[in-house]
């Protein structure tokens, strides 16, 4: 996954786990099974350029989470009646009464 995010080949070398090479498309090119002693030799093609993850990082995720939390808060407040239409009508009625010097309704 990291190779796809960054658009670069991934070389993983471990003492006891899996050793392998993943190309910039996320395909495993070569690997050595776990707990085997061996030398892995393969060719790696370097890549140039940047992916959206490289340039933006995790910021789109943070913006989406903030948007989702804000939307959830607004919907919860609306369901509790915080944004009720009846209170808005009374404010409009009071403003109209003040504009036309009408007695209180």
C-alpha atoms as a PDB file:
ATOM      1  CA  UNK A   1       0.000   0.000   0.000  1.00  0.00           C
ATOM      2  CA  UNK A   2       2.821   2.400   0.819  1.00  0.00           C
ATOM      3  CA  UNK A   3       4.304   1.872  -2.648  1.00  0.00           C
ATOM      4  CA  UNK A   4       0.981   2.900  -4.214  1.00  0.00           C
ATOM      5  CA  UNK A   5       0.585   5.940  -1.938  1.00  0.00           C
ATOM      6  CA  UNK A   6       4.001   7.334  -2.714  1.00  0.00           C
ATOM      7  CA  UNK A   7       4.377   6.027  -6.277  1.00  0.00           C
ATOM      8  CA  UNK A   8       7.828   4.678  -5.430  1.00  0.00           C
ATOM      9  CA  UNK A   9       9.231   1.140  -5.238  1.00  0.00           C
ATOM     10  CA  UNK A  10       9.343  -0.402  -1.766  1.00  0.00           C
ATOM     11  CA  UNK A  11      12.306  -2.494  -0.593  1.00  0.00           C
ATOM     12  CA  UNK A  12      11.708  -4.431   2.628  1.00  0.00           C
ATOM     13  CA  UNK A  13      14.544  -6.307   4.325  1.00  0.00           C
ATOM     14  CA  UNK A  14      14.079  -8.095   7.642  1.00  0.00           C
ATOM     15  CA  UNK A  15      16.082 -10.552   9.723  1.00  0.00           C
ATOM     16  CA  UNK A  16      13.299 -13.032  10.455  1.00  0.00           C
ATOM     17  CA  UNK A  17      10.236 -11.926   8.524  1.00  0.00           C
ATOM     18  CA  UNK A  18       9.409 -11.469   4.876  1.00  0.00           C
ATOM     19  CA  UNK A  19      11.949  -9.814   2.634  1.00  0.00           C
ATOM     20  CA  UNK A  20      10.640  -8.475  -0.631  1.00  0.00           C
ATOM     21  CA  UNK A  21      10.469  -5.873  -3.363  1.00  0.00           C
ATOM     22  CA  UNK A  22       7.255  -4.117  -4.425  1.00  0.00           C
ATOM     23  CA  UNK A  23       7.125  -1.948  -7.546  1.00  0.00           C
ATOM     24  CA  UNK A  24       5.442   1.470  -7.816  1.00  0.00           C
ATOM     25  CA  UNK A  25       2.203  -0.199  -8.989  1.00  0.00           C
ATOM     26  CA  UNK A  26       1.951  -2.240  -5.775  1.00  0.00           C
ATOM     27  CA  UNK A  27       2.893  -5.567  -7.404  1.00  0.00           C
ATOM     28  CA  UNK A  28       5.280  -7.883  -5.536  1.00  0.00           C
ATOM     29  CA  UNK A  29       8.294  -8.368  -7.808  1.00  0.00           C
ATOM     30  CA  UNK A  30      10.348 -10.737  -5.647  1.00  0.00           C
ATOM     31  CA  UNK A  31      10.312 -12.083  -2.107  1.00  0.00           C
ATOM     32  CA  UNK A  32      11.978 -14.555   0.216  1.00  0.00           C
ATOM     33  CA  UNK A  33       9.764 -16.719   2.452  1.00  0.00           C
ATOM     34  CA  UNK A  34       9.761 -16.167   6.188  1.00  0.00           C
ATOM     35  CA  UNK A  35      12.604 -17.681   8.266  1.00  0.00           C
ATOM     36  CA  UNK A  36      14.741 -18.631   5.247  1.00  0.00           C
ATOM     37  CA  UNK A  37      18.324 -17.500   4.853  1.00  0.00           C
ATOM     38  CA  UNK A  38      18.835 -16.172   1.335  1.00  0.00           C
ATOM     39  CA  UNK A  39      19.987 -13.231  -0.738  1.00  0.00           C
ATOM     40  CA  UNK A  40      17.402 -11.396  -2.819  1.00  0.00           C
ATOM     41  CA  UNK A  41      18.639  -9.821  -6.043  1.00  0.00           C
ATOM     42  CA  UNK A  42      16.314  -7.934  -8.351  1.00  0.00           C
ATOM     43  CA  UNK A  43      16.231  -4.812 -10.496  1.00  0.00           C
ATOM     44  CA  UNK A  44      14.341  -1.763  -9.262  1.00  0.00           C
ATOM     45  CA  UNK A  45      13.195   0.992 -11.596  1.00  0.00           C
ATOM     46  CA  UNK A  46      13.379   4.441 -10.001  1.00  0.00           C
ATOM     47  CA  UNK A  47      10.376   6.714 -10.488  1.00  0.00           C
ATOM     48  CA  UNK A  48       9.913  10.466 -10.610  1.00  0.00           C
ATOM     49  CA  UNK A  49       7.004  12.711  -9.791  1.00  0.00           C
ATOM     50  CA  UNK A  50       4.576  13.074  -6.933  1.00  0.00           C
ATOM     51  CA  UNK A  51       1.283  11.410  -6.113  1.00  0.00           C
ATOM     52  CA  UNK A  52      -1.635  13.271  -4.500  1.00  0.00           C
ATOM     53  CA  UNK A  53      -0.799  11.600  -1.172  1.00  0.00           C
ATOM     54  CA  UNK A  54       2.790  12.802  -1.420  1.00  0.00           C
ATOM     55  CA  UNK A  55       1.777  16.417  -1.949  1.00  0.00           C
ATOM     56  CA  UNK A  56      -1.334  16.603   0.288  1.00  0.00           C
ATOM     57  CA  UNK A  57      -0.610  13.986   2.934  1.00  0.00           C
ATOM     58  CA  UNK A  58      -3.453  13.216   5.324  1.00  0.00           C
ATOM     59  CA  UNK A  59      -5.032  16.696   5.168  1.00  0.00           C
ATOM     60  CA  UNK A  60      -8.002  15.645   2.986  1.00  0.00           C
ATOM     61  CA  UNK A  61      -8.856  13.038   5.615  1.00  0.00           C
ATOM     62  CA  UNK A  62      -8.706  15.631   8.413  1.00  0.00           C
ATOM     63  CA  UNK A  63     -10.948  18.022   6.449  1.00  0.00           C
ATOM     64  CA  UNK A  64     -13.463  15.244   5.761  1.00  0.00           C
ATOM     65  CA  UNK A  65     -13.572  14.217   9.444  1.00  0.00           C
ATOM     66  CA  UNK A  66     -14.087  17.851  10.520  1.00  0.00           C
ATOM     67  CA  UNK A  67     -16.884  18.253   7.922  1.00  0.00           C
ATOM     68  CA  UNK A  68     -18.569  15.009   9.069  1.00  0.00           C
ATOM     69  CA  UNK A  69     -18.413  16.021  12.747  1.00  0.00           C
ATOM     70  CA  UNK A  70     -19.834  19.468  11.979  1.00  0.00           C
ATOM     71  CA  UNK A  71     -22.644  17.977   9.900  1.00  0.00           C
ATOM     72  CA  UNK A  72     -23.423  15.474  12.666  1.00  0.00           C
ATOM     73  CA  UNK A  73     -23.546  18.266  15.248  1.00  0.00           C
ATOM     74  CA  UNK A  74     -25.879  20.385  13.085  1.00  0.00           C
ATOM     75  CA  UNK A  75     -28.208  17.447  12.422  1.00  0.00           C
ATOM     76  CA  UNK A  76     -28.295  16.539  16.119  1.00  0.00           C
ATOM     77  CA  UNK A  77     -29.110  20.142  17.071  1.00  0.00           C
ATOM     78  CA  UNK A  78     -31.815  20.298  14.399  1.00  0.00           C
ATOM     79  CA  UNK A  79     -33.379  17.085  15.724  1.00  0.00           C
ATOM     80  CA  UNK A  80     -33.400  18.536  19.252  1.00  0.00           C
ATOM     81  CA  UNK A  81     -35.313  21.544  17.966  1.00  0.00           C
ATOM     82  CA  UNK A  82     -32.515  24.093  18.161  1.00  0.00           C
ATOM     83  CA  UNK A  83     -33.252  25.264  14.622  1.00  0.00           C
ATOM     84  CA  UNK A  84     -37.037  25.121  14.824  1.00  0.00           C
ATOM     85  CA  UNK A  85     -39.067  27.097  12.277  1.00  0.00           C
ATOM     86  CA  UNK A  86     -41.619  28.276  14.865  1.00  0.00           C
ATOM     87  CA  UNK A  87     -39.048  30.420  16.686  1.00  0.00           C
ATOM     88  CA  UNK A  88     -38.064  31.992  13.379  1.00  0.00           C
ATOM     89  CA  UNK A  89     -41.688  32.890  12.610  1.00  0.00           C
ATOM     90  CA  UNK A  90     -42.050  34.626  15.943  1.00  0.00           C
ATOM     91  CA  UNK A  91     -38.916  36.705  15.287  1.00  0.00           C
ATOM     92  CA  UNK A  92     -40.270  37.718  11.870  1.00  0.00           C
ATOM     93  CA  UNK A  93     -43.628  38.624  13.447  1.00  0.00           C
ATOM     94  CA  UNK A  94     -41.919  40.790  16.077  1.00  0.00           C
ATOM     95  CA  UNK A  95     -39.827  42.584  13.414  1.00  0.00           C
ATOM     96  CA  UNK A  96     -42.931  43.181  11.273  1.00  0.00           C
ATOM     97  CA  UNK A  97     -44.806  44.537  14.286  1.00  0.00           C
ATOM     98  CA  UNK A  98     -41.964  46.958  15.009  1.00  0.00           C
ATOM     99  CA  UNK A  99     -41.762  48.128  11.381  1.00  0.00           C
ATOM    100  CA  UNK A 100     -45.453  48.927  11.024  1.00  0.00           C
ATOM    101  CA  UNK A 101     -46.057  50.135  14.619  1.00  0.00           C
ATOM    102  CA  UNK A 102     -48.587  47.368  15.121  1.00  0.00           C
ATOM    103  CA  UNK A 103     -49.580  46.245  18.598  1.00  0.00           C
ATOM    104  CA  UNK A 104     -47.910  43.073  19.845  1.00  0.00           C
ATOM    105  CA  UNK A 105     -49.426  39.933  18.404  1.00  0.00           C
END
